[in-house]
Amino acid sequence: MESAPVRRVGFAGLGVIGIEMARRILQAGFELEVWNRSADKAAPLVALGATLAATPAALARSVDVLCLCVTDAHAVEQVVFGDDGIATAGPASLRDLVVADHSTLHPAATRSIAARFHAAGGAWVDAPVTGGPSGAQQGALAVFAGGEPRHVERVRPVVMSFARQMTHLGPAGSGQAAKACNQMVSFGTAAVLAEALNLALKLGLDVARLPQAMEGGLADSAVLRRYAPAMVSGELTGSARTALKDLEIIIDLGRETGSPMPLTGLLASLHRMLASQGHFMGGMAGVIRLYAEGALTGAAVDPGDA
């Protein structure tokens, strides 16, 4: 028997990107109920017509699809399996519920969580996103999905309210594996961009004009357009801890699979250096600080060795 169309959507985790995703869901016409550890963060959505659930379990009892967007695997486990967590909602509620987890986790952690949630009676789709808060605001995120096809299709109408595309890449954990590959490219591009901007400065170029000069050429990218202005101005946002977490996941996957990662290994070292210096803001663009503060003096390969 075909499931009824999704009407009631839950959203747990109203961080800087989660709140924008939730806003798009509400604007798309779904009935939205939200939960956040700090309830005051839900106020803007409640003002727009969303309702506020007292607990994750209460949220799970009243929705067809539940979107989750938190910081890491520990946070996911707390929201799902902790006191009054989603998995405690009861068999009758979980039977028809699909959770779409938009957090970025290690694929192995996702597979474990998905299996435990399935054993409790619910369905799980890992659906990490890329595109940042601005992408969510514009409904232009890219989403990598892992899970059973019918569950992925169940959440698709909801996801497409804040995404440009959602690609199903295989069973549970596949979305997280694809996100790791995506992050390799994004972090690598951001690091090379920082290095190029630093060289441009040393060469006496108008650094503020260089990113615009690159647009439309082979060096153009979403990373260039989004992060170059922040690198030039020094107005860096985003969490350096989250950036390092993503890189550590990638390094671990390389180790598990025996996949050589000399470039990504260097990227991880740079971000560990940032953390050791007490820099906790900037995300993937934060690496520019190492150049601006001269932290890499003598640390780079001598151009004569190239």
C-alpha atoms as a PDB file:
ATOM      1  CA  MET A   1       0.000   0.000   0.000  1.00  0.00           C
ATOM      2  CA  GLU A   2       1.405   3.402  -0.963  1.00  0.00           C
ATOM      3  CA  SER A   3       2.143   5.781   1.923  1.00  0.00           C
ATOM      4  CA  ALA A   4       0.139   8.964   2.258  1.00  0.00           C
ATOM      5  CA  PRO A   5       1.973  12.133   1.199  1.00  0.00           C
ATOM      6  CA  VAL A   6       4.192  13.672   3.846  1.00  0.00           C
ATOM      7  CA  ARG A   7       2.357  16.483   5.580  1.00  0.00           C
ATOM      8  CA  ARG A   8       3.845  16.797   9.066  1.00  0.00           C
ATOM      9  CA  VAL A   9       7.583  17.397   9.360  1.00  0.00           C
ATOM     10  CA  GLY A  10       9.759  17.609  12.439  1.00  0.00           C
ATOM     11  CA  PHE A  11      13.120  19.345  12.729  1.00  0.00           C
ATOM     12  CA  ALA A  12      15.584  18.850  15.582  1.00  0.00           C
ATOM     13  CA  GLY A  13      18.735  20.962  15.751  1.00  0.00           C
ATOM     14  CA  LEU A  14      18.317  24.655  14.945  1.00  0.00           C
ATOM     15  CA  GLY A  15      21.913  25.747  14.452  1.00  0.00           C
ATOM     16  CA  VAL A  16      23.087  28.262  11.870  1.00  0.00           C
ATOM     17  CA  ILE A  17      22.215  26.010   8.938  1.00  0.00           C
ATOM     18  CA  GLY A  18      19.450  23.961  10.570  1.00  0.00           C
ATOM     19  CA  ILE A  19      17.235  26.959  11.240  1.00  0.00           C
ATOM     20  CA  GLU A  20      17.450  28.021   7.588  1.00  0.00           C
ATOM     21  CA  MET A  21      16.574  24.508   6.405  1.00  0.00           C
ATOM     22  CA  ALA A  22      13.624  24.428   8.788  1.00  0.00           C
ATOM     23  CA  ARG A  23      12.455  27.837   7.575  1.00  0.00           C
ATOM     24  CA  ARG A  24      12.420  26.573   3.979  1.00  0.00           C
ATOM     25  CA  ILE A  25      10.384  23.520   5.009  1.00  0.00           C
ATOM     26  CA  LEU A  26       7.801  25.786   6.618  1.00  0.00           C
ATOM     27  CA  GLN A  27       7.716  28.088   3.592  1.00  0.00           C
ATOM     28  CA  ALA A  28       7.105  25.060   1.348  1.00  0.00           C
ATOM     29  CA  GLY A  29       3.776  24.495   3.077  1.00  0.00           C
ATOM     30  CA  PHE A  30       4.554  21.588   5.391  1.00  0.00           C
ATOM     31  CA  GLU A  31       3.223  21.547   8.940  1.00  0.00           C
ATOM     32  CA  LEU A  32       6.425  22.039  10.935  1.00  0.00           C
ATOM     33  CA  GLU A  33       7.166  21.081  14.522  1.00  0.00           C
ATOM     34  CA  VAL A  34      10.617  21.768  15.932  1.00  0.00           C
ATOM     35  CA  TRP A  35      12.804  20.896  18.884  1.00  0.00           C
ATOM     36  CA  ASN A  36      16.083  22.382  20.012  1.00  0.00           C
ATOM     37  CA  ARG A  37      18.118  21.924  23.177  1.00  0.00           C
ATOM     38  CA  SER A  38      17.947  25.708  23.638  1.00  0.00           C
ATOM     39  CA  ALA A  39      14.243  26.310  23.075  1.00  0.00           C
ATOM     40  CA  ASP A  40      14.658  30.065  22.549  1.00  0.00           C
ATOM     41  CA  LYS A  41      16.311  29.401  19.175  1.00  0.00           C
ATOM     42  CA  ALA A  42      12.959  28.124  17.915  1.00  0.00           C
ATOM     43  CA  ALA A  43      11.233  31.476  18.506  1.00  0.00           C
ATOM     44  CA  PRO A  44      11.677  32.847  14.939  1.00  0.00           C
ATOM     45  CA  LEU A  45      10.109  29.692  13.488  1.00  0.00           C
ATOM     46  CA  VAL A  46       7.277  29.633  16.014  1.00  0.00           C
ATOM     47  CA  ALA A  47       6.540  33.231  15.024  1.00  0.00           C
ATOM     48  CA  LEU A  48       6.157  32.001  11.432  1.00  0.00           C
ATOM     49  CA  GLY A  49       3.723  29.237  12.384  1.00  0.00           C
ATOM     50  CA  ALA A  50       5.818  26.293  13.559  1.00  0.00           C
ATOM     51  CA  THR A  51       5.021  24.527  16.820  1.00  0.00           C
ATOM     52  CA  LEU A  52       7.560  23.657  19.519  1.00  0.00           C
ATOM     53  CA  ALA A  53       7.901  20.114  20.878  1.00  0.00           C
ATOM     54  CA  ALA A  54       8.901  19.565  24.496  1.00  0.00           C
ATOM     55  CA  THR A  55      11.191  16.607  23.736  1.00  0.00           C
ATOM     56  CA  PRO A  56      12.572  14.700  20.731  1.00  0.00           C
ATOM     57  CA  ALA A  57      10.223  11.831  21.620  1.00  0.00           C
ATOM     58  CA  ALA A  58       7.206  14.142  21.531  1.00  0.00           C
ATOM     59  CA  LEU A  59       8.394  15.433  18.175  1.00  0.00           C
ATOM     60  CA  ALA A  60       8.665  11.897  16.790  1.00  0.00           C
ATOM     61  CA  ARG A  61       5.122  11.067  17.883  1.00  0.00           C
ATOM     62  CA  SER A  62       3.529  13.791  15.774  1.00  0.00           C
ATOM     63  CA  VAL A  63       5.383  13.838  12.429  1.00  0.00           C
ATOM     64  CA  ASP A  64       5.807  11.750   9.274  1.00  0.00           C
ATOM     65  CA  VAL A  65       9.425  12.749   8.543  1.00  0.00           C
ATOM     66  CA  LEU A  66      11.890  14.013  11.124  1.00  0.00           C
ATOM     67  CA  CYS A  67      14.951  15.985  10.014  1.00  0.00           C
ATOM     68  CA  LEU A  68      17.951  16.064  12.322  1.00  0.00           C
ATOM     69  CA  CYS A  69      20.886  18.477  12.082  1.00  0.00           C
ATOM     70  CA  VAL A  70      23.350  18.474  14.990  1.00  0.00           C
ATOM     71  CA  THR A  71      27.100  18.709  15.486  1.00  0.00           C
ATOM     72  CA  ASP A  72      28.433  15.162  15.733  1.00  0.00           C
ATOM     73  CA  ALA A  73      27.745  11.478  16.419  1.00  0.00           C
ATOM     74  CA  HIS A  74      27.522  11.993  20.180  1.00  0.00           C
ATOM     75  CA  ALA A  75      24.852  14.658  19.718  1.00  0.00           C
ATOM     76  CA  VAL A  76      22.913  12.414  17.312  1.00  0.00           C
ATOM     77  CA  GLU A  77      22.989   9.519  19.782  1.00  0.00           C
ATOM     78  CA  GLN A  78      21.786  11.766  22.604  1.00  0.00           C
ATOM     79  CA  VAL A  79      18.858  13.116  20.590  1.00  0.00           C
ATOM     80  CA  VAL A  80      17.896   9.692  19.256  1.00  0.00           C
ATOM     81  CA  PHE A  81      18.680   7.251  22.072  1.00  0.00           C
ATOM     82  CA  GLY A  82      18.973   9.460  25.164  1.00  0.00           C
ATOM     83  CA  ASP A  83      16.291  10.246  27.734  1.00  0.00           C
ATOM     84  CA  ASP A  84      13.093  11.233  25.896  1.00  0.00           C
ATOM     85  CA  GLY A  85      14.964  10.618  22.639  1.00  0.00           C
ATOM     86  CA  ILE A  86      13.376   9.920  19.282  1.00  0.00           C
ATOM     87  CA  ALA A  87      13.743   6.147  19.692  1.00  0.00           C
ATOM     88  CA  THR A  88      11.700   6.227  22.915  1.00  0.00           C
ATOM     89  CA  ALA A  89       8.587   7.471  21.083  1.00  0.00           C
ATOM     90  CA  GLY A  90       7.193   3.932  20.962  1.00  0.00           C
ATOM     91  CA  PRO A  91       6.639   1.308  18.233  1.00  0.00           C
ATOM     92  CA  ALA A  92       3.375   2.798  16.985  1.00  0.00           C
ATOM     93  CA  SER A  93       5.025   6.156  16.304  1.00  0.00           C
ATOM     94  CA  LEU A  94       8.277   4.774  14.910  1.00  0.00           C
ATOM     95  CA  ARG A  95       6.627   2.333  12.519  1.00  0.00           C
ATOM     96  CA  ASP A  96       5.814   5.015   9.942  1.00  0.00           C
ATOM     97  CA  LEU A  97       8.585   7.479  10.813  1.00  0.00           C
ATOM     98  CA  VAL A  98      11.623   8.195   8.632  1.00  0.00           C
ATOM     99  CA  VAL A  99      14.486  10.193  10.129  1.00  0.00           C
ATOM    100  CA  ALA A 100      16.658  12.155   7.706  1.00  0.00           C
ATOM    101  CA  ASP A 101      19.945  12.919   9.435  1.00  0.00           C
ATOM    102  CA  HIS A 102      21.647  15.967   7.937  1.00  0.00           C
ATOM    103  CA  SER A 103      24.533  15.917  10.420  1.00  0.00           C
ATOM    104  CA  THR A 104      28.030  15.044   9.183  1.00  0.00           C
ATOM    105  CA  LEU A 105      29.266  11.816  10.800  1.00  0.00           C
ATOM    106  CA  HIS A 106      31.703   9.001  10.195  1.00  0.00           C
ATOM    107  CA  PRO A 107      29.986   6.451   7.902  1.00  0.00           C
ATOM    108  CA  ALA A 108      30.587   3.692  10.467  1.00  0.00           C
ATOM    109  CA  ALA A 109      28.830   5.722  13.160  1.00  0.00           C
ATOM    110  CA  THR A 110      25.903   6.298  10.823  1.00  0.00           C
ATOM    111  CA  ARG A 111      25.616   2.598   9.988  1.00  0.00           C
ATOM    112  CA  SER A 112      25.565   1.747  13.696  1.00  0.00           C
ATOM    113  CA  ILE A 113      22.961   4.394  14.512  1.00  0.00           C
ATOM    114  CA  ALA A 114      20.805   3.375  11.534  1.00  0.00           C
ATOM    115  CA  ALA A 115      20.892  -0.290  12.609  1.00  0.00           C
ATOM    116  CA  ARG A 116      19.949   0.562  16.199  1.00  0.00           C
ATOM    117  CA  PHE A 117      17.131   2.814  15.064  1.00  0.00           C
ATOM    118  CA  HIS A 118      15.848   0.154  12.669  1.00  0.00           C
ATOM    119  CA  ALA A 119      15.848  -2.336  15.557  1.00  0.00           C
ATOM    120  CA  ALA A 120      13.735   0.146  17.530  1.00  0.00           C
ATOM    121  CA  GLY A 121      11.208   0.186  14.671  1.00  0.00           C
ATOM    122  CA  GLY A 122      12.083   3.299  12.657  1.00  0.00           C
ATOM    123  CA  ALA A 123      13.731   4.062   9.311  1.00  0.00           C
ATOM    124  CA  TRP A 124      16.936   6.064   8.825  1.00  0.00           C
ATOM    125  CA  VAL A 125      18.358   8.052   5.922  1.00  0.00           C
ATOM    126  CA  ASP A 126      21.762   9.705   6.214  1.00  0.00           C
ATOM    127  CA  ALA A 127      21.503  12.924   4.232  1.00  0.00           C
ATOM    128  CA  PRO A 128      24.416  15.268   4.997  1.00  0.00           C
ATOM    129  CA  VAL A 129      24.345  18.596   3.210  1.00  0.00           C
ATOM    130  CA  THR A 130      26.778  21.033   1.646  1.00  0.00           C
ATOM    131  CA  GLY A 131      26.260  24.658   0.686  1.00  0.00           C
ATOM    132  CA  GLY A 132      26.202  26.434   4.032  1.00  0.00           C
ATOM    133  CA  PRO A 133      23.541  28.689   5.560  1.00  0.00           C
ATOM    134  CA  SER A 134      23.297  30.825   2.412  1.00  0.00           C
ATOM    135  CA  GLY A 135      22.643  27.718   0.327  1.00  0.00           C
ATOM    136  CA  ALA A 136      19.905  26.689   2.739  1.00  0.00           C
ATOM    137  CA  GLN A 137      18.318  30.151   2.584  1.00  0.00           C
ATOM    138  CA  GLN A 138      18.200  29.929  -1.211  1.00  0.00           C
ATOM    139  CA  GLY A 139      17.010  26.314  -1.346  1.00  0.00           C
ATOM    140  CA  ALA A 140      20.246  25.406  -3.110  1.00  0.00           C
ATOM    141  CA  LEU A 141      21.938  22.815  -0.893  1.00  0.00           C
ATOM    142  CA  ALA A 142      23.385  19.608  -2.312  1.00  0.00           C
ATOM    143  CA  VAL A 143      22.430  16.510  -0.330  1.00  0.00           C
ATOM    144  CA  PHE A 144      24.137  13.098  -0.298  1.00  0.00           C
ATOM    145  CA  ALA A 145      21.740  10.313   0.684  1.00  0.00           C
ATOM    146  CA  GLY A 146      22.246   6.817   2.024  1.00  0.00           C
ATOM    147  CA  GLY A 147      19.533   4.330   2.958  1.00  0.00           C
ATOM    148  CA  GLU A 148      16.816   2.161   1.470  1.00  0.00           C
ATOM    149  CA  PRO A 149      15.407   3.621  -1.782  1.00  0.00           C
ATOM    150  CA  ARG A 150      11.829   3.807  -0.482  1.00  0.00           C
ATOM    151  CA  HIS A 151      12.935   5.728   2.595  1.00  0.00           C
ATOM    152  CA  VAL A 152      15.049   8.122   0.541  1.00  0.00           C
ATOM    153  CA  GLU A 153      12.073   8.805  -1.713  1.00  0.00           C
ATOM    154  CA  ARG A 154       9.860   9.311   1.325  1.00  0.00           C
ATOM    155  CA  VAL A 155      12.011  12.196   2.559  1.00  0.00           C
ATOM    156  CA  ARG A 156      12.769  13.657  -0.882  1.00  0.00           C
ATOM    157  CA  PRO A 157       9.834  16.142  -1.048  1.00  0.00           C
ATOM    158  CA  VAL A 158      10.903  17.577   2.303  1.00  0.00           C
ATOM    159  CA  VAL A 159      14.593  17.736   1.423  1.00  0.00           C
ATOM    160  CA  MET A 160      13.905  19.424  -1.900  1.00  0.00           C
ATOM    161  CA  SER A 161      12.364  22.370  -0.065  1.00  0.00           C
ATOM    162  CA  PHE A 162      15.902  23.417   0.924  1.00  0.00           C
ATOM    163  CA  ALA A 163      18.042  21.579  -1.653  1.00  0.00           C
ATOM    164  CA  ARG A 164      18.916  21.949  -5.315  1.00  0.00           C
ATOM    165  CA  GLN A 165      19.540  18.217  -5.573  1.00  0.00           C
ATOM    166  CA  MET A 166      19.592  15.048  -3.490  1.00  0.00           C
ATOM    167  CA  THR A 167      21.600  12.120  -4.840  1.00  0.00           C
ATOM    168  CA  HIS A 168      21.000   8.601  -3.514  1.00  0.00           C
ATOM    169  CA  LEU A 169      24.390   6.887  -3.367  1.00  0.00           C
ATOM    170  CA  GLY A 170      23.651   3.532  -1.738  1.00  0.00           C
ATOM    171  CA  PRO A 171      22.810   1.941   1.631  1.00  0.00           C
ATOM    172  CA  ALA A 172      23.164   3.507   5.071  1.00  0.00           C
ATOM    173  CA  GLY A 173      26.443   5.362   5.438  1.00  0.00           C
ATOM    174  CA  SER A 174      26.827   6.061   1.718  1.00  0.00           C
ATOM    175  CA  GLY A 175      25.685   9.651   2.088  1.00  0.00           C
ATOM    176  CA  GLN A 176      28.317  10.238   4.754  1.00  0.00           C
ATOM    177  CA  ALA A 177      31.020   8.606   2.621  1.00  0.00           C
ATOM    178  CA  ALA A 178      30.135  10.898  -0.286  1.00  0.00           C
ATOM    179  CA  LYS A 179      30.147  13.953   2.007  1.00  0.00           C
ATOM    180  CA  ALA A 180      33.679  13.018   3.091  1.00  0.00           C
ATOM    181  CA  CYS A 181      34.806  13.000  -0.544  1.00  0.00           C
ATOM    182  CA  ASN A 182      33.081  16.334  -1.081  1.00  0.00           C
ATOM    183  CA  GLN A 183      34.891  17.822   1.903  1.00  0.00           C
ATOM    184  CA  MET A 184      38.263  16.702   0.558  1.00  0.00           C
ATOM    185  CA  VAL A 185      37.705  18.809  -2.551  1.00  0.00           C
ATOM    186  CA  SER A 186      36.249  21.774  -0.641  1.00  0.00           C
ATOM    187  CA  PHE A 187      38.985  21.908   1.998  1.00  0.00           C
ATOM    188  CA  GLY A 188      41.695  21.449  -0.609  1.00  0.00           C
ATOM    189  CA  THR A 189      40.321  24.280  -2.723  1.00  0.00           C
ATOM    190  CA  ALA A 190      40.045  26.588   0.291  1.00  0.00           C
ATOM    191  CA  ALA A 191      43.635  25.901   1.360  1.00  0.00           C
ATOM    192  CA  VAL A 192      45.071  26.536  -2.107  1.00  0.00           C
ATOM    193  CA  LEU A 193      42.965  29.692  -2.355  1.00  0.00           C
ATOM    194  CA  ALA A 194      44.469  30.969   0.908  1.00  0.00           C
ATOM    195  CA  GLU A 195      47.962  30.219  -0.370  1.00  0.00           C
ATOM    196  CA  ALA A 196      47.267  31.995  -3.677  1.00  0.00           C
ATOM    197  CA  LEU A 197      45.881  35.082  -1.943  1.00  0.00           C
ATOM    198  CA  ASN A 198      48.941  35.237   0.285  1.00  0.00           C
ATOM    199  CA  LEU A 199      51.246  35.003  -2.751  1.00  0.00           C
ATOM    200  CA  ALA A 200      49.232  37.722  -4.509  1.00  0.00           C
ATOM    201  CA  LEU A 201      49.729  39.979  -1.502  1.00  0.00           C
ATOM    202  CA  LYS A 202      53.491  39.360  -1.530  1.00  0.00           C
ATOM    203  CA  LEU A 203      53.556  40.151  -5.255  1.00  0.00           C
ATOM    204  CA  GLY A 204      51.919  43.509  -4.653  1.00  0.00           C
ATOM    205  CA  LEU A 205      48.608  42.689  -6.348  1.00  0.00           C
ATOM    206  CA  ASP A 206      45.279  44.172  -5.320  1.00  0.00           C
ATOM    207  CA  VAL A 207      44.195  41.054  -3.441  1.00  0.00           C
ATOM    208  CA  ALA A 208      40.580  42.197  -3.151  1.00  0.00           C
ATOM    209  CA  ARG A 209      40.254  42.193  -6.961  1.00  0.00           C
ATOM    210  CA  LEU A 210      41.954  38.860  -7.618  1.00  0.00           C
ATOM    211  CA  PRO A 211      38.979  36.582  -6.781  1.00  0.00           C
ATOM    212  CA  GLN A 212      36.746  38.544  -9.171  1.00  0.00           C
ATOM    213  CA  ALA A 213      39.419  38.269 -11.859  1.00  0.00           C
ATOM    214  CA  MET A 214      39.348  34.478 -11.465  1.00  0.00           C
ATOM    215  CA  GLU A 215      35.577  34.182 -11.874  1.00  0.00           C
ATOM    216  CA  GLY A 216      34.583  32.476 -15.106  1.00  0.00           C
ATOM    217  CA  GLY A 217      37.963  30.802 -15.525  1.00  0.00           C
ATOM    218  CA  LEU A 218      39.118  27.327 -14.552  1.00  0.00           C
ATOM    219  CA  ALA A 219      39.929  28.503 -11.014  1.00  0.00           C
ATOM    220  CA  ASP A 220      36.336  29.616 -10.447  1.00  0.00           C
ATOM    221  CA  SER A 221      34.353  27.634  -7.884  1.00  0.00           C
ATOM    222  CA  ALA A 222      31.722  27.942  -5.187  1.00  0.00           C
ATOM    223  CA  VAL A 223      34.565  27.909  -2.655  1.00  0.00           C
ATOM    224  CA  LEU A 224      36.217  30.880  -4.389  1.00  0.00           C
ATOM    225  CA  ARG A 225      33.001  32.896  -4.496  1.00  0.00           C
ATOM    226  CA  ARG A 226      31.987  32.115  -0.925  1.00  0.00           C
ATOM    227  CA  TYR A 227      35.255  32.181   0.979  1.00  0.00           C
ATOM    228  CA  ALA A 228      37.578  34.573  -0.861  1.00  0.00           C
ATOM    229  CA  PRO A 229      35.750  37.701   0.399  1.00  0.00           C
ATOM    230  CA  ALA A 230      35.977  36.422   3.985  1.00  0.00           C
ATOM    231  CA  MET A 231      39.653  35.585   3.576  1.00  0.00           C
ATOM    232  CA  VAL A 232      40.393  39.041   2.174  1.00  0.00           C
ATOM    233  CA  SER A 233      38.384  40.909   4.816  1.00  0.00           C
ATOM    234  CA  GLY A 234      39.374  38.690   7.726  1.00  0.00           C
ATOM    235  CA  GLU A 235      35.720  38.383   8.735  1.00  0.00           C
ATOM    236  CA  LEU A 236      35.805  34.624   9.225  1.00  0.00           C
ATOM    237  CA  THR A 237      32.772  32.685  10.415  1.00  0.00           C
ATOM    238  CA  GLY A 238      32.044  29.008  10.842  1.00  0.00           C
ATOM    239  CA  SER A 239      33.472  26.553  13.350  1.00  0.00           C
ATOM    240  CA  ALA A 240      37.116  25.494  13.155  1.00  0.00           C
ATOM    241  CA  ARG A 241      36.245  22.559  15.427  1.00  0.00           C
ATOM    242  CA  THR A 242      33.670  21.322  12.924  1.00  0.00           C
ATOM    243  CA  ALA A 243      36.166  21.714  10.093  1.00  0.00           C
ATOM    244  CA  LEU A 244      38.766  19.663  11.948  1.00  0.00           C
ATOM    245  CA  LYS A 245      36.145  17.038  12.843  1.00  0.00           C
ATOM    246  CA  ASP A 246      35.337  16.581   9.148  1.00  0.00           C
ATOM    247  CA  LEU A 247      39.016  16.263   8.237  1.00  0.00           C
ATOM    248  CA  GLU A 248      39.658  13.699  10.972  1.00  0.00           C
ATOM    249  CA  ILE A 249      36.783  11.600   9.589  1.00  0.00           C
ATOM    250  CA  ILE A 250      38.363  11.747   6.130  1.00  0.00           C
ATOM    251  CA  ILE A 251      41.818  10.804   7.430  1.00  0.00           C
ATOM    252  CA  ASP A 252      40.304   7.866   9.312  1.00  0.00           C
ATOM    253  CA  LEU A 253      38.517   6.661   6.156  1.00  0.00           C
ATOM    254  CA  GLY A 254      41.786   6.861   4.235  1.00  0.00           C
ATOM    255  CA  ARG A 255      43.492   4.812   6.924  1.00  0.00           C
ATOM    256  CA  GLU A 256      40.684   2.213   6.938  1.00  0.00           C
ATOM    257  CA  THR A 257      40.720   1.768   3.169  1.00  0.00           C
ATOM    258  CA  GLY A 258      44.445   2.127   2.566  1.00  0.00           C
ATOM    259  CA  SER A 259      43.767   5.104   0.295  1.00  0.00           C
ATOM    260  CA  PRO A 260      46.795   7.436  -0.043  1.00  0.00           C
ATOM    261  CA  MET A 261      45.993  10.959   1.170  1.00  0.00           C
ATOM    262  CA  PRO A 262      49.165  13.068   1.149  1.00  0.00           C
ATOM    263  CA  LEU A 263      47.323  16.299   0.337  1.00  0.00           C
ATOM    264  CA  THR A 264      44.451  15.761   2.765  1.00  0.00           C
ATOM    265  CA  GLY A 265      46.927  14.721   5.436  1.00  0.00           C
ATOM    266  CA  LEU A 266      48.641  18.088   5.037  1.00  0.00           C
ATOM    267  CA  LEU A 267      45.280  19.865   5.221  1.00  0.00           C
ATOM    268  CA  ALA A 268      44.494  18.091   8.487  1.00  0.00           C
ATOM    269  CA  SER A 269      47.890  19.140   9.863  1.00  0.00           C
ATOM    270  CA  LEU A 270      47.188  22.779   8.984  1.00  0.00           C
ATOM    271  CA  HIS A 271      43.818  22.712  10.732  1.00  0.00           C
ATOM    272  CA  ARG A 272      45.313  20.983  13.782  1.00  0.00           C
ATOM    273  CA  MET A 273      47.852  23.816  13.871  1.00  0.00           C
ATOM    274  CA  LEU A 274      44.998  26.328  13.850  1.00  0.00           C
ATOM    275  CA  ALA A 275      43.315  24.564  16.761  1.00  0.00           C
ATOM    276  CA  SER A 276      46.569  24.411  18.744  1.00  0.00           C
ATOM    277  CA  GLN A 277      46.885  28.193  18.358  1.00  0.00           C
ATOM    278  CA  GLY A 278      43.415  28.745  19.793  1.00  0.00           C
ATOM    279  CA  HIS A 279      41.625  29.649  16.565  1.00  0.00           C
ATOM    280  CA  PHE A 280      38.091  28.280  16.790  1.00  0.00           C
ATOM    281  CA  MET A 281      36.350  30.346  14.111  1.00  0.00           C
ATOM    282  CA  GLY A 282      36.717  30.325  10.361  1.00  0.00           C
ATOM    283  CA  GLY A 283      35.699  26.873   9.176  1.00  0.00           C
ATOM    284  CA  MET A 284      37.574  25.741   6.092  1.00  0.00           C
ATOM    285  CA  ALA A 285      38.504  29.363   5.326  1.00  0.00           C
ATOM    286  CA  GLY A 286      40.312  29.680   8.652  1.00  0.00           C
ATOM    287  CA  VAL A 287      43.557  28.392   7.164  1.00  0.00           C
ATOM    288  CA  ILE A 288      44.185  31.923   5.858  1.00  0.00           C
ATOM    289  CA  ARG A 289      45.132  32.856   9.446  1.00  0.00           C
ATOM    290  CA  LEU A 290      48.275  30.733   9.195  1.00  0.00           C
ATOM    291  CA  TYR A 291      49.474  32.882   6.309  1.00  0.00           C
ATOM    292  CA  ALA A 292      48.298  36.196   7.752  1.00  0.00           C
ATOM    293  CA  GLU A 293      50.055  35.532  11.055  1.00  0.00           C
ATOM    294  CA  GLY A 294      53.223  34.090   9.536  1.00  0.00           C
ATOM    295  CA  ALA A 295      52.719  30.744  11.245  1.00  0.00           C
ATOM    296  CA  LEU A 296      53.978  28.848   8.195  1.00  0.00           C
ATOM    297  CA  THR A 297      57.326  30.608   7.946  1.00  0.00           C
ATOM    298  CA  GLY A 298      59.843  27.901   7.187  1.00  0.00           C
ATOM    299  CA  ALA A 299      57.138  25.221   7.226  1.00  0.00           C
ATOM    300  CA  ALA A 300      56.308  25.134   3.524  1.00  0.00           C
ATOM    301  CA  VAL A 301      58.248  23.293   0.830  1.00  0.00           C
ATOM    302  CA  ASP A 302      61.072  25.419  -0.565  1.00  0.00           C
ATOM    303  CA  PRO A 303      60.034  26.558  -4.074  1.00  0.00           C
ATOM    304  CA  GLY A 304      63.436  25.402  -5.249  1.00  0.00           C
ATOM    305  CA  ASP A 305      62.480  21.832  -4.377  1.00  0.00           C
ATOM    306  CA  ALA A 306      59.441  21.881  -6.658  1.00  0.00           C
END
